[in-house]
Amino acid sequence: MKGMEGFDFNKVMKAAQDMQKQMARVKDDLKERVVEGNAGGGMVVATVNGQQDIVAIKLDREVVNPEDVGMLEDLIVAAVNQAMKKSREMAEKEMGKITGGVLPPGLGI
């Protein structure tokens, strides 16, 4: 269906559908890719996948101190936040390859 001045709406719709399929494949791929964040010199390590799911938390025995639970909590939060940031950056980079660096609203991760 052609509109004004040779604009082919069907072609645009096909391109949008193709982009959606590519984005769905990337989202599936990101589920399998992981990044790590760490805190306390690596005493706490958080592993997050490309869909921002926490998949593992590792604690060094030395950081587990019943007398200072607050420090452990802070280290876990720092490690998770670092891993989440890396995960978002990885996902944005991969999606940007499809969208030319621009993620339309509602089409992100």
PDB file of N, CA and C in Angstrom:
ATOM      1  N   MET A   1       0.850  -1.170   0.000  1.00  0.00           N
ATOM      2  CA  MET A   1       0.000   0.000   0.000  1.00  0.00           C
ATOM      3  C   MET A   1       0.893   1.228   0.000  1.00  0.00           C
ATOM      4  N   LYS A   2       0.758   2.024  -1.030  1.00  0.00           N
ATOM      5  CA  LYS A   2       1.586   3.223  -1.140  1.00  0.00           C
ATOM      6  C   LYS A   2       0.751   4.448  -0.818  1.00  0.00           C
ATOM      7  N   GLY A   3       1.351   5.309  -0.052  1.00  0.00           N
ATOM      8  CA  GLY A   3       0.689   6.544   0.316  1.00  0.00           C
ATOM      9  C   GLY A   3       1.224   7.688  -0.518  1.00  0.00           C
ATOM     10  N   MET A   4       1.318   8.816   0.090  1.00  0.00           N
ATOM     11  CA  MET A   4       1.765  10.022  -0.591  1.00  0.00           C
ATOM     12  C   MET A   4       3.233   9.910  -0.977  1.00  0.00           C
ATOM     13  N   GLU A   5       3.557  10.376  -2.145  1.00  0.00           N
ATOM     14  CA  GLU A   5       4.922  10.498  -2.644  1.00  0.00           C
ATOM     15  C   GLU A   5       5.702   9.193  -2.582  1.00  0.00           C
ATOM     16  N   GLY A   6       5.061   8.084  -2.899  1.00  0.00           N
ATOM     17  CA  GLY A   6       5.756   6.809  -2.991  1.00  0.00           C
ATOM     18  C   GLY A   6       6.073   6.151  -1.662  1.00  0.00           C
ATOM     19  N   PHE A   7       5.519   6.637  -0.589  1.00  0.00           N
ATOM     20  CA  PHE A   7       5.764   6.048   0.732  1.00  0.00           C
ATOM     21  C   PHE A   7       5.081   4.690   0.786  1.00  0.00           C
ATOM     22  N   ASP A   8       5.830   3.652   1.053  1.00  0.00           N
ATOM     23  CA  ASP A   8       5.298   2.286   1.095  1.00  0.00           C
ATOM     24  C   ASP A   8       5.129   1.851   2.538  1.00  0.00           C
ATOM     25  N   PHE A   9       3.910   1.970   3.030  1.00  0.00           N
ATOM     26  CA  PHE A   9       3.605   1.633   4.414  1.00  0.00           C
ATOM     27  C   PHE A   9       3.898   0.172   4.717  1.00  0.00           C
ATOM     28  N   ASN A  10       3.607  -0.724   3.777  1.00  0.00           N
ATOM     29  CA  ASN A  10       3.864  -2.153   3.991  1.00  0.00           C
ATOM     30  C   ASN A  10       5.350  -2.423   4.195  1.00  0.00           C
ATOM     31  N   LYS A  11       6.179  -1.714   3.476  1.00  0.00           N
ATOM     32  CA  LYS A  11       7.630  -1.885   3.610  1.00  0.00           C
ATOM     33  C   LYS A  11       8.089  -1.457   5.006  1.00  0.00           C
ATOM     34  N   VAL A  12       7.537  -0.369   5.475  1.00  0.00           N
ATOM     35  CA  VAL A  12       7.871   0.127   6.812  1.00  0.00           C
ATOM     36  C   VAL A  12       7.404  -0.869   7.873  1.00  0.00           C
ATOM     37  N   MET A  13       6.213  -1.399   7.718  1.00  0.00           N
ATOM     38  CA  MET A  13       5.693  -2.374   8.681  1.00  0.00           C
ATOM     39  C   MET A  13       6.538  -3.645   8.677  1.00  0.00           C
ATOM     40  N   LYS A  14       6.963  -4.097   7.510  1.00  0.00           N
ATOM     41  CA  LYS A  14       7.809  -5.286   7.407  1.00  0.00           C
ATOM     42  C   LYS A  14       9.135  -5.046   8.119  1.00  0.00           C
ATOM     43  N   ALA A  15       9.722  -3.873   7.908  1.00  0.00           N
ATOM     44  CA  ALA A  15      10.994  -3.541   8.569  1.00  0.00           C
ATOM     45  C   ALA A  15      10.822  -3.511  10.084  1.00  0.00           C
ATOM     46  N   ALA A  16       9.716  -2.964  10.570  1.00  0.00           N
ATOM     47  CA  ALA A  16       9.455  -2.913  12.017  1.00  0.00           C
ATOM     48  C   ALA A  16       9.283  -4.318  12.578  1.00  0.00           C
ATOM     49  N   GLN A  17       8.584  -5.179  11.856  1.00  0.00           N
ATOM     50  CA  GLN A  17       8.400  -6.558  12.309  1.00  0.00           C
ATOM     51  C   GLN A  17       9.733  -7.301  12.340  1.00  0.00           C
ATOM     52  N   ASP A  18      10.564  -7.081  11.324  1.00  0.00           N
ATOM     53  CA  ASP A  18      11.883  -7.710  11.292  1.00  0.00           C
ATOM     54  C   ASP A  18      12.727  -7.253  12.486  1.00  0.00           C
ATOM     55  N   MET A  19      12.654  -5.958  12.798  1.00  0.00           N
ATOM     56  CA  MET A  19      13.409  -5.421  13.932  1.00  0.00           C
ATOM     57  C   MET A  19      12.923  -6.042  15.237  1.00  0.00           C
ATOM     58  N   GLN A  20      11.619  -6.207  15.372  1.00  0.00           N
ATOM     59  CA  GLN A  20      11.075  -6.822  16.585  1.00  0.00           C
ATOM     60  C   GLN A  20      11.567  -8.257  16.731  1.00  0.00           C
ATOM     61  N   LYS A  21      11.626  -9.002  15.634  1.00  0.00           N
ATOM     62  CA  LYS A  21      12.118 -10.378  15.678  1.00  0.00           C
ATOM     63  C   LYS A  21      13.592 -10.411  16.082  1.00  0.00           C
ATOM     64  N   GLN A  22      14.380  -9.495  15.540  1.00  0.00           N
ATOM     65  CA  GLN A  22      15.796  -9.427  15.893  1.00  0.00           C
ATOM     66  C   GLN A  22      15.957  -9.089  17.365  1.00  0.00           C
ATOM     67  N   MET A  23      15.157  -8.150  17.864  1.00  0.00           N
ATOM     68  CA  MET A  23      15.239  -7.759  19.270  1.00  0.00           C
ATOM     69  C   MET A  23      14.845  -8.919  20.177  1.00  0.00           C
ATOM     70  N   ALA A  24      13.862  -9.704  19.776  1.00  0.00           N
ATOM     71  CA  ALA A  24      13.459 -10.866  20.576  1.00  0.00           C
ATOM     72  C   ALA A  24      14.596 -11.883  20.643  1.00  0.00           C
ATOM     73  N   ARG A  25      15.303 -12.068  19.524  1.00  0.00           N
ATOM     74  CA  ARG A  25      16.439 -12.996  19.531  1.00  0.00           C
ATOM     75  C   ARG A  25      17.552 -12.487  20.444  1.00  0.00           C
ATOM     76  N   VAL A  26      17.806 -11.182  20.410  1.00  0.00           N
ATOM     77  CA  VAL A  26      18.843 -10.609  21.266  1.00  0.00           C
ATOM     78  C   VAL A  26      18.448 -10.758  22.731  1.00  0.00           C
ATOM     79  N   LYS A  27      17.181 -10.519  23.065  1.00  0.00           N
ATOM     80  CA  LYS A  27      16.729 -10.681  24.451  1.00  0.00           C
ATOM     81  C   LYS A  27      16.942 -12.112  24.931  1.00  0.00           C
ATOM     82  N   ASP A  28      16.645 -13.080  24.074  1.00  0.00           N
ATOM     83  CA  ASP A  28      16.875 -14.476  24.450  1.00  0.00           C
ATOM     84  C   ASP A  28      18.358 -14.738  24.666  1.00  0.00           C
ATOM     85  N   ASP A  29      19.185 -14.186  23.780  1.00  0.00           N
ATOM     86  CA  ASP A  29      20.637 -14.351  23.909  1.00  0.00           C
ATOM     87  C   ASP A  29      21.149 -13.716  25.196  1.00  0.00           C
ATOM     88  N   LEU A  30      20.610 -12.562  25.549  1.00  0.00           N
ATOM     89  CA  LEU A  30      21.051 -11.860  26.752  1.00  0.00           C
ATOM     90  C   LEU A  30      20.739 -12.639  28.022  1.00  0.00           C
ATOM     91  N   LYS A  31      19.730 -13.487  27.963  1.00  0.00           N
ATOM     92  CA  LYS A  31      19.380 -14.306  29.126  1.00  0.00           C
ATOM     93  C   LYS A  31      20.537 -15.245  29.481  1.00  0.00           C
ATOM     94  N   GLU A  32      21.297 -15.644  28.466  1.00  0.00           N
ATOM     95  CA  GLU A  32      22.399 -16.585  28.662  1.00  0.00           C
ATOM     96  C   GLU A  32      23.733 -15.895  28.949  1.00  0.00           C
ATOM     97  N   ARG A  33      23.839 -14.615  28.690  1.00  0.00           N
ATOM     98  CA  ARG A  33      25.094 -13.884  28.907  1.00  0.00           C
ATOM     99  C   ARG A  33      25.098 -13.282  30.299  1.00  0.00           C
ATOM    100  N   VAL A  34      26.237 -13.359  30.975  1.00  0.00           N
ATOM    101  CA  VAL A  34      26.314 -12.862  32.347  1.00  0.00           C
ATOM    102  C   VAL A  34      27.486 -11.890  32.502  1.00  0.00           C
ATOM    103  N   VAL A  35      27.331 -11.032  33.484  1.00  0.00           N
ATOM    104  CA  VAL A  35      28.391 -10.106  33.891  1.00  0.00           C
ATOM    105  C   VAL A  35      28.496 -10.191  35.408  1.00  0.00           C
ATOM    106  N   GLU A  36      29.627  -9.738  35.928  1.00  0.00           N
ATOM    107  CA  GLU A  36      29.834  -9.758  37.374  1.00  0.00           C
ATOM    108  C   GLU A  36      30.126  -8.357  37.887  1.00  0.00           C
ATOM    109  N   GLY A  37      29.679  -8.141  39.097  1.00  0.00           N
ATOM    110  CA  GLY A  37      30.046  -6.955  39.848  1.00  0.00           C
ATOM    111  C   GLY A  37      30.651  -7.442  41.147  1.00  0.00           C
ATOM    112  N   ASN A  38      31.597  -6.676  41.679  1.00  0.00           N
ATOM    113  CA  ASN A  38      32.191  -7.128  42.938  1.00  0.00           C
ATOM    114  C   ASN A  38      32.415  -5.946  43.860  1.00  0.00           C
ATOM    115  N   ALA A  39      32.585  -6.267  45.126  1.00  0.00           N
ATOM    116  CA  ALA A  39      32.830  -5.253  46.152  1.00  0.00           C
ATOM    117  C   ALA A  39      33.743  -5.870  47.201  1.00  0.00           C
ATOM    118  N   GLY A  40      34.375  -5.010  47.968  1.00  0.00           N
ATOM    119  CA  GLY A  40      35.260  -5.473  49.029  1.00  0.00           C
ATOM    120  C   GLY A  40      36.460  -6.222  48.483  1.00  0.00           C
ATOM    121  N   GLY A  41      36.979  -5.730  47.361  1.00  0.00           N
ATOM    122  CA  GLY A  41      38.144  -6.373  46.774  1.00  0.00           C
ATOM    123  C   GLY A  41      37.847  -7.777  46.257  1.00  0.00           C
ATOM    124  N   GLY A  42      36.605  -8.006  45.826  1.00  0.00           N
ATOM    125  CA  GLY A  42      36.231  -9.311  45.299  1.00  0.00           C
ATOM    126  C   GLY A  42      35.695 -10.265  46.351  1.00  0.00           C
ATOM    127  N   MET A  43      35.531  -9.763  47.574  1.00  0.00           N
ATOM    128  CA  MET A  43      35.011 -10.633  48.634  1.00  0.00           C
ATOM    129  C   MET A  43      33.520 -10.920  48.444  1.00  0.00           C
ATOM    130  N   VAL A  44      32.836 -10.044  47.728  1.00  0.00           N
ATOM    131  CA  VAL A  44      31.436 -10.252  47.374  1.00  0.00           C
ATOM    132  C   VAL A  44      31.342 -10.111  45.863  1.00  0.00           C
ATOM    133  N   VAL A  45      30.779 -11.124  45.204  1.00  0.00           N
ATOM    134  CA  VAL A  45      30.633 -11.105  43.747  1.00  0.00           C
ATOM    135  C   VAL A  45      29.176 -11.393  43.406  1.00  0.00           C
ATOM    136  N   ALA A  46      28.597 -10.503  42.599  1.00  0.00           N
ATOM    137  CA  ALA A  46      27.225 -10.698  42.127  1.00  0.00           C
ATOM    138  C   ALA A  46      27.285 -10.988  40.631  1.00  0.00           C
ATOM    139  N   THR A  47      26.545 -12.001  40.202  1.00  0.00           N
ATOM    140  CA  THR A  47      26.465 -12.351  38.791  1.00  0.00           C
ATOM    141  C   THR A  47      25.045 -12.072  38.314  1.00  0.00           C
ATOM    142  N   VAL A  48      24.947 -11.325  37.211  1.00  0.00           N
ATOM    143  CA  VAL A  48      23.660 -10.903  36.664  1.00  0.00           C
ATOM    144  C   VAL A  48      23.655 -11.233  35.185  1.00  0.00           C
ATOM    145  N   ASN A  49      22.503 -11.693  34.669  1.00  0.00           N
ATOM    146  CA  ASN A  49      22.434 -11.941  33.237  1.00  0.00           C
ATOM    147  C   ASN A  49      22.013 -10.683  32.485  1.00  0.00           C
ATOM    148  N   GLY A  50      21.961 -10.776  31.175  1.00  0.00           N
ATOM    149  CA  GLY A  50      21.652  -9.620  30.333  1.00  0.00           C
ATOM    150  C   GLY A  50      20.216  -9.162  30.411  1.00  0.00           C
ATOM    151  N   GLN A  51      19.381  -9.888  31.135  1.00  0.00           N
ATOM    152  CA  GLN A  51      18.001  -9.462  31.354  1.00  0.00           C
ATOM    153  C   GLN A  51      17.804  -8.925  32.770  1.00  0.00           C
ATOM    154  N   GLN A  52      18.912  -8.585  33.415  1.00  0.00           N
ATOM    155  CA  GLN A  52      18.946  -8.019  34.756  1.00  0.00           C
ATOM    156  C   GLN A  52      18.373  -8.936  35.822  1.00  0.00           C
ATOM    157  N   ASP A  53      18.567 -10.241  35.639  1.00  0.00           N
ATOM    158  CA  ASP A  53      18.224 -11.205  36.679  1.00  0.00           C
ATOM    159  C   ASP A  53      19.495 -11.543  37.454  1.00  0.00           C
ATOM    160  N   ILE A  54      19.429 -11.509  38.772  1.00  0.00           N
ATOM    161  CA  ILE A  54      20.572 -11.930  39.585  1.00  0.00           C
ATOM    162  C   ILE A  54      20.607 -13.449  39.508  1.00  0.00           C
ATOM    163  N   VAL A  55      21.742 -13.992  39.066  1.00  0.00           N
ATOM    164  CA  VAL A  55      21.838 -15.448  38.923  1.00  0.00           C
ATOM    165  C   VAL A  55      22.737 -16.077  39.986  1.00  0.00           C
ATOM    166  N   ALA A  56      23.575 -15.268  40.646  1.00  0.00           N
ATOM    167  CA  ALA A  56      24.420 -15.823  41.712  1.00  0.00           C
ATOM    168  C   ALA A  56      24.982 -14.706  42.579  1.00  0.00           C
ATOM    169  N   ILE A  57      25.199 -15.038  43.835  1.00  0.00           N
ATOM    170  CA  ILE A  57      25.908 -14.181  44.791  1.00  0.00           C
ATOM    171  C   ILE A  57      26.949 -15.081  45.457  1.00  0.00           C
ATOM    172  N   LYS A  58      28.205 -14.655  45.429  1.00  0.00           N
ATOM    173  CA  LYS A  58      29.264 -15.417  46.098  1.00  0.00           C
ATOM    174  C   LYS A  58      29.878 -14.553  47.186  1.00  0.00           C
ATOM    175  N   LEU A  59      30.055 -15.154  48.354  1.00  0.00           N
ATOM    176  CA  LEU A  59      30.617 -14.456  49.502  1.00  0.00           C
ATOM    177  C   LEU A  59      31.877 -15.172  49.958  1.00  0.00           C
ATOM    178  N   ASP A  60      32.935 -14.414  50.149  1.00  0.00           N
ATOM    179  CA  ASP A  60      34.151 -14.964  50.738  1.00  0.00           C
ATOM    180  C   ASP A  60      33.864 -15.179  52.226  1.00  0.00           C
ATOM    181  N   ARG A  61      34.331 -16.259  52.768  1.00  0.00           N
ATOM    182  CA  ARG A  61      34.086 -16.575  54.186  1.00  0.00           C
ATOM    183  C   ARG A  61      34.512 -15.430  55.110  1.00  0.00           C
ATOM    184  N   GLU A  62      35.575 -14.755  54.750  1.00  0.00           N
ATOM    185  CA  GLU A  62      36.103 -13.697  55.619  1.00  0.00           C
ATOM    186  C   GLU A  62      35.151 -12.514  55.770  1.00  0.00           C
ATOM    187  N   VAL A  63      34.262 -12.318  54.802  1.00  0.00           N
ATOM    188  CA  VAL A  63      33.367 -11.162  54.858  1.00  0.00           C
ATOM    189  C   VAL A  63      32.106 -11.455  55.682  1.00  0.00           C
ATOM    190  N   VAL A  64      31.901 -12.710  56.022  1.00  0.00           N
ATOM    191  CA  VAL A  64      30.725 -13.085  56.815  1.00  0.00           C
ATOM    192  C   VAL A  64      31.082 -12.969  58.296  1.00  0.00           C
ATOM    193  N   ASN A  65      30.641 -11.862  58.879  1.00  0.00           N
ATOM    194  CA  ASN A  65      30.931 -11.573  60.281  1.00  0.00           C
ATOM    195  C   ASN A  65      29.609 -11.250  60.982  1.00  0.00           C
ATOM    196  N   PRO A  66      29.145 -12.141  61.848  1.00  0.00           N
ATOM    197  CA  PRO A  66      27.868 -11.898  62.527  1.00  0.00           C
ATOM    198  C   PRO A  66      27.857 -10.596  63.329  1.00  0.00           C
ATOM    199  N   GLU A  67      29.029 -10.101  63.664  1.00  0.00           N
ATOM    200  CA  GLU A  67      29.113  -8.861  64.441  1.00  0.00           C
ATOM    201  C   GLU A  67      28.971  -7.614  63.561  1.00  0.00           C
ATOM    202  N   ASP A  68      29.056  -7.786  62.230  1.00  0.00           N
ATOM    203  CA  ASP A  68      28.984  -6.625  61.325  1.00  0.00           C
ATOM    204  C   ASP A  68      28.170  -6.973  60.077  1.00  0.00           C
ATOM    205  N   VAL A  69      26.917  -7.305  60.295  1.00  0.00           N
ATOM    206  CA  VAL A  69      26.018  -7.663  59.195  1.00  0.00           C
ATOM    207  C   VAL A  69      25.818  -6.472  58.257  1.00  0.00           C
ATOM    208  N   GLY A  70      25.818  -5.285  58.808  1.00  0.00           N
ATOM    209  CA  GLY A  70      25.621  -4.074  57.994  1.00  0.00           C
ATOM    210  C   GLY A  70      26.662  -3.930  56.903  1.00  0.00           C
ATOM    211  N   MET A  71      27.922  -4.237  57.213  1.00  0.00           N
ATOM    212  CA  MET A  71      28.978  -4.143  56.210  1.00  0.00           C
ATOM    213  C   MET A  71      28.720  -5.142  55.081  1.00  0.00           C
ATOM    214  N   LEU A  72      28.343  -6.360  55.433  1.00  0.00           N
ATOM    215  CA  LEU A  72      28.056  -7.377  54.430  1.00  0.00           C
ATOM    216  C   LEU A  72      26.895  -6.936  53.536  1.00  0.00           C
ATOM    217  N   GLU A  73      25.863  -6.406  54.133  1.00  0.00           N
ATOM    218  CA  GLU A  73      24.719  -5.916  53.359  1.00  0.00           C
ATOM    219  C   GLU A  73      25.146  -4.826  52.380  1.00  0.00           C
ATOM    220  N   ASP A  74      25.972  -3.894  52.847  1.00  0.00           N
ATOM    221  CA  ASP A  74      26.457  -2.820  51.973  1.00  0.00           C
ATOM    222  C   ASP A  74      27.288  -3.366  50.813  1.00  0.00           C
ATOM    223  N   LEU A  75      28.125  -4.346  51.091  1.00  0.00           N
ATOM    224  CA  LEU A  75      28.951  -4.941  50.043  1.00  0.00           C
ATOM    225  C   LEU A  75      28.091  -5.674  49.009  1.00  0.00           C
ATOM    226  N   ILE A  76      27.071  -6.363  49.475  1.00  0.00           N
ATOM    227  CA  ILE A  76      26.176  -7.065  48.545  1.00  0.00           C
ATOM    228  C   ILE A  76      25.459  -6.056  47.650  1.00  0.00           C
ATOM    229  N   VAL A  77      24.945  -5.000  48.237  1.00  0.00           N
ATOM    230  CA  VAL A  77      24.258  -3.965  47.454  1.00  0.00           C
ATOM    231  C   VAL A  77      25.209  -3.363  46.417  1.00  0.00           C
ATOM    232  N   ALA A  78      26.425  -3.060  46.819  1.00  0.00           N
ATOM    233  CA  ALA A  78      27.405  -2.467  45.894  1.00  0.00           C
ATOM    234  C   ALA A  78      27.730  -3.421  44.745  1.00  0.00           C
ATOM    235  N   ALA A  79      27.925  -4.687  45.061  1.00  0.00           N
ATOM    236  CA  ALA A  79      28.245  -5.667  44.016  1.00  0.00           C
ATOM    237  C   ALA A  79      27.075  -5.850  43.054  1.00  0.00           C
ATOM    238  N   VAL A  80      25.866  -5.933  43.586  1.00  0.00           N
ATOM    239  CA  VAL A  80      24.684  -6.098  42.728  1.00  0.00           C
ATOM    240  C   VAL A  80      24.494  -4.865  41.852  1.00  0.00           C
ATOM    241  N   ASN A  81      24.630  -3.682  42.424  1.00  0.00           N
ATOM    242  CA  ASN A  81      24.466  -2.460  41.632  1.00  0.00           C
ATOM    243  C   ASN A  81      25.487  -2.397  40.503  1.00  0.00           C
ATOM    244  N   GLN A  82      26.728  -2.764  40.780  1.00  0.00           N
ATOM    245  CA  GLN A  82      27.759  -2.763  39.750  1.00  0.00           C
ATOM    246  C   GLN A  82      27.425  -3.764  38.645  1.00  0.00           C
ATOM    247  N   ALA A  83      26.993  -4.949  39.023  1.00  0.00           N
ATOM    248  CA  ALA A  83      26.643  -5.971  38.030  1.00  0.00           C
ATOM    249  C   ALA A  83      25.431  -5.543  37.206  1.00  0.00           C
ATOM    250  N   MET A  84      24.444  -4.941  37.844  1.00  0.00           N
ATOM    251  CA  MET A  84      23.253  -4.472  37.126  1.00  0.00           C
ATOM    252  C   MET A  84      23.622  -3.397  36.109  1.00  0.00           C
ATOM    253  N   LYS A  85      24.498  -2.488  36.500  1.00  0.00           N
ATOM    254  CA  LYS A  85      24.933  -1.437  35.569  1.00  0.00           C
ATOM    255  C   LYS A  85      25.624  -2.061  34.361  1.00  0.00           C
ATOM    256  N   LYS A  86      26.509  -3.008  34.600  1.00  0.00           N
ATOM    257  CA  LYS A  86      27.196  -3.677  33.492  1.00  0.00           C
ATOM    258  C   LYS A  86      26.199  -4.414  32.597  1.00  0.00           C
ATOM    259  N   SER A  87      25.208  -5.033  33.218  1.00  0.00           N
ATOM    260  CA  SER A  87      24.192  -5.765  32.459  1.00  0.00           C
ATOM    261  C   SER A  87      23.382  -4.829  31.572  1.00  0.00           C
ATOM    262  N   ARG A  88      22.964  -3.684  32.123  1.00  0.00           N
ATOM    263  CA  ARG A  88      22.205  -2.705  31.330  1.00  0.00           C
ATOM    264  C   ARG A  88      23.038  -2.200  30.164  1.00  0.00           C
ATOM    265  N   GLU A  89      24.317  -1.902  30.435  1.00  0.00           N
ATOM    266  CA  GLU A  89      25.194  -1.408  29.373  1.00  0.00           C
ATOM    267  C   GLU A  89      25.366  -2.456  28.275  1.00  0.00           C
ATOM    268  N   MET A  90      25.528  -3.723  28.659  1.00  0.00           N
ATOM    269  CA  MET A  90      25.667  -4.798  27.684  1.00  0.00           C
ATOM    270  C   MET A  90      24.394  -4.914  26.843  1.00  0.00           C
ATOM    271  N   ALA A  91      23.236  -4.882  27.496  1.00  0.00           N
ATOM    272  CA  ALA A  91      21.963  -5.011  26.789  1.00  0.00           C
ATOM    273  C   ALA A  91      21.739  -3.826  25.847  1.00  0.00           C
ATOM    274  N   GLU A  92      22.029  -2.619  26.310  1.00  0.00           N
ATOM    275  CA  GLU A  92      21.863  -1.434  25.466  1.00  0.00           C
ATOM    276  C   GLU A  92      22.776  -1.500  24.249  1.00  0.00           C
ATOM    277  N   LYS A  93      23.993  -1.981  24.444  1.00  0.00           N
ATOM    278  CA  LYS A  93      24.937  -2.099  23.332  1.00  0.00           C
ATOM    279  C   LYS A  93      24.411  -3.091  22.294  1.00  0.00           C
ATOM    280  N   GLU A  94      23.933  -4.238  22.755  1.00  0.00           N
ATOM    281  CA  GLU A  94      23.420  -5.261  21.836  1.00  0.00           C
ATOM    282  C   GLU A  94      22.164  -4.794  21.114  1.00  0.00           C
ATOM    283  N   MET A  95      21.253  -4.158  21.837  1.00  0.00           N
ATOM    284  CA  MET A  95      20.039  -3.645  21.197  1.00  0.00           C
ATOM    285  C   MET A  95      20.370  -2.494  20.252  1.00  0.00           C
ATOM    286  N   GLY A  96      21.370  -1.697  20.619  1.00  0.00           N
ATOM    287  CA  GLY A  96      21.780  -0.580  19.776  1.00  0.00           C
ATOM    288  C   GLY A  96      22.296  -1.037  18.426  1.00  0.00           C
ATOM    289  N   LYS A  97      22.849  -2.246  18.359  1.00  0.00           N
ATOM    290  CA  LYS A  97      23.309  -2.777  17.075  1.00  0.00           C
ATOM    291  C   LYS A  97      22.145  -2.956  16.105  1.00  0.00           C
ATOM    292  N   ILE A  98      20.975  -3.231  16.653  1.00  0.00           N
ATOM    293  CA  ILE A  98      19.789  -3.441  15.826  1.00  0.00           C
ATOM    294  C   ILE A  98      19.099  -2.115  15.499  1.00  0.00           C
ATOM    295  N   THR A  99      19.038  -1.242  16.490  1.00  0.00           N
ATOM    296  CA  THR A  99      18.257  -0.014  16.342  1.00  0.00           C
ATOM    297  C   THR A  99      19.081   1.191  15.917  1.00  0.00           C
ATOM    298  N   GLY A 100      20.349   0.973  15.655  1.00  0.00           N
ATOM    299  CA  GLY A 100      21.193   2.101  15.279  1.00  0.00           C
ATOM    300  C   GLY A 100      21.528   2.995  16.451  1.00  0.00           C
ATOM    301  N   GLY A 101      21.485   2.444  17.657  1.00  0.00           N
ATOM    302  CA  GLY A 101      21.846   3.209  18.845  1.00  0.00           C
ATOM    303  C   GLY A 101      20.696   3.921  19.506  1.00  0.00           C
ATOM    304  N   VAL A 102      19.502   3.834  18.910  1.00  0.00           N
ATOM    305  CA  VAL A 102      18.334   4.511  19.482  1.00  0.00           C
ATOM    306  C   VAL A 102      17.298   3.464  19.827  1.00  0.00           C
ATOM    307  N   LEU A 103      16.931   3.416  21.099  1.00  0.00           N
ATOM    308  CA  LEU A 103      15.886   2.477  21.520  1.00  0.00           C
ATOM    309  C   LEU A 103      14.562   3.231  21.629  1.00  0.00           C
ATOM    310  N   PRO A 104      13.614   2.909  20.752  1.00  0.00           N
ATOM    311  CA  PRO A 104      12.303   3.552  20.856  1.00  0.00           C
ATOM    312  C   PRO A 104      11.647   3.192  22.183  1.00  0.00           C
ATOM    313  N   PRO A 105      10.816   4.073  22.742  1.00  0.00           N
ATOM    314  CA  PRO A 105      10.133   3.786  24.000  1.00  0.00           C
ATOM    315  C   PRO A 105       9.362   2.470  23.917  1.00  0.00           C
ATOM    316  N   GLY A 106       9.485   1.661  24.947  1.00  0.00           N
ATOM    317  CA  GLY A 106       8.754   0.404  24.993  1.00  0.00           C
ATOM    318  C   GLY A 106       9.434  -0.753  24.295  1.00  0.00           C
ATOM    319  N   LEU A 107      10.547  -0.496  23.614  1.00  0.00           N
ATOM    320  CA  LEU A 107      11.234  -1.568  22.898  1.00  0.00           C
ATOM    321  C   LEU A 107      12.538  -1.946  23.557  1.00  0.00           C
ATOM    322  N   GLY A 108      12.803  -1.392  24.711  1.00  0.00           N
ATOM    323  CA  GLY A 108      14.050  -1.694  25.405  1.00  0.00           C
ATOM    324  C   GLY A 108      13.974  -3.018  26.128  1.00  0.00           C
ATOM    325  N   ILE A 109      14.905  -3.210  27.021  1.00  0.00           N
ATOM    326  CA  ILE A 109      15.020  -4.468  27.755  1.00  0.00           C
ATOM    327  C   ILE A 109      13.936  -4.556  28.807  1.00  0.00           C
TER     328      ILE A 109
END
